[in-house]
Structure formats: C-alpha cells, structure tokens
Amino acid sequence: MTWDIFDEMRRMQEEMDRMVSEFFSPPHYQQLGQGRAVQETEPGKVSGMRKAFVDVQQTDENVIVTAELPGMEKEDIELNVTSERVEIRAQKREETTEEKEGFKAYGRAYAGFYQSFPLPVAVKSEDAKATYKNGVLEVVLPKKEDFNSENIQID
C-alpha cells in the first residue's frame, strides 16, 4: 500500500470541517476543551456548574488555595478538605414571585461553581483555616511533617 498525499489532505479537510461545525453548533461552551467554562461530571455530560478559578501556592509551612467565587455568600459554599485533595462547591438558588393584576410571574435563577483537585503535598486537614471575602475564598493548609526516609541497600 502506498501513501497518497491527496488522501491525507482530504482526511485533514474532513476533520477540520467536523471540528468547525461542532464548534458553531449550540451550546458553544461544551466544545472548548481543557479550560472549559462548564464542569463535566461524566464525559459528554455537563452538570451546569462552572469551574472555579483556583490558584495553589506552597510556602515552607503551608499550602495556600485561593478560589474565585463571585456572587456567592459564605453560606453558599461547601468546602471539603482531605490530606490529599480539596473539593469546593458553591451553589446559589433564587426564586422570585411577582403578582400583579391579571398575571403572575415566577422566576428561578441558579448559579454554581465546582472544583476538585489533588494537593501537591500531604496536609493536616484538621488544622485548615478558610476565609471568604469579596468573592475570594482562601484556604490555608498546614503541611504534614516530612517523614524520614532511609537509603536501603539492595541485595
């Protein structure tokens, strides 16, 4: 079998056509890739919750996690920390009812953020401290002490 450059070009053109048509079919955000605006719970299934923008920094004693959760109140945020992982979930639901002469209007609004990620080192989750101010959640996690390691001679 010989390689034909025209077959390869045709295959590339078909792939480009497929990608462009998928990108412009609604909803657009589902095809955006790694930095997508909406969290996928399962491949191809969108939960409706946006990913929170998160920054993880290490100091000598702590791991500091900063998450942007605009529009949320402190009561709307659920934070779960283990020695190896952080899970942030924030949900806000609002229902409005408007009654005027001749009609009734009902409205519902829902917003949410979700992010779960592994930590770079083991931490003491029981000593974690979290603060929330102006839409920014900051979690300070003390690192676990380093375990002693030994070089072992291999026989």
Foldseek 3Di string as FASTA:
>chain_A
DDDDVVVVVVVVVVVVVVLVVVCPDPPNQVSPPDQGQFDAPDVPHTPQAGAWDWDWDDDPWKIKIKTFAPPFDPVQWDWDDAQWKIKIKGKDKDWDWDDDPPDIDIDIDIYMHIDMDTDPAGFDVVPKDWDDDNRMIMIITTGDDDDDDDDDDDD
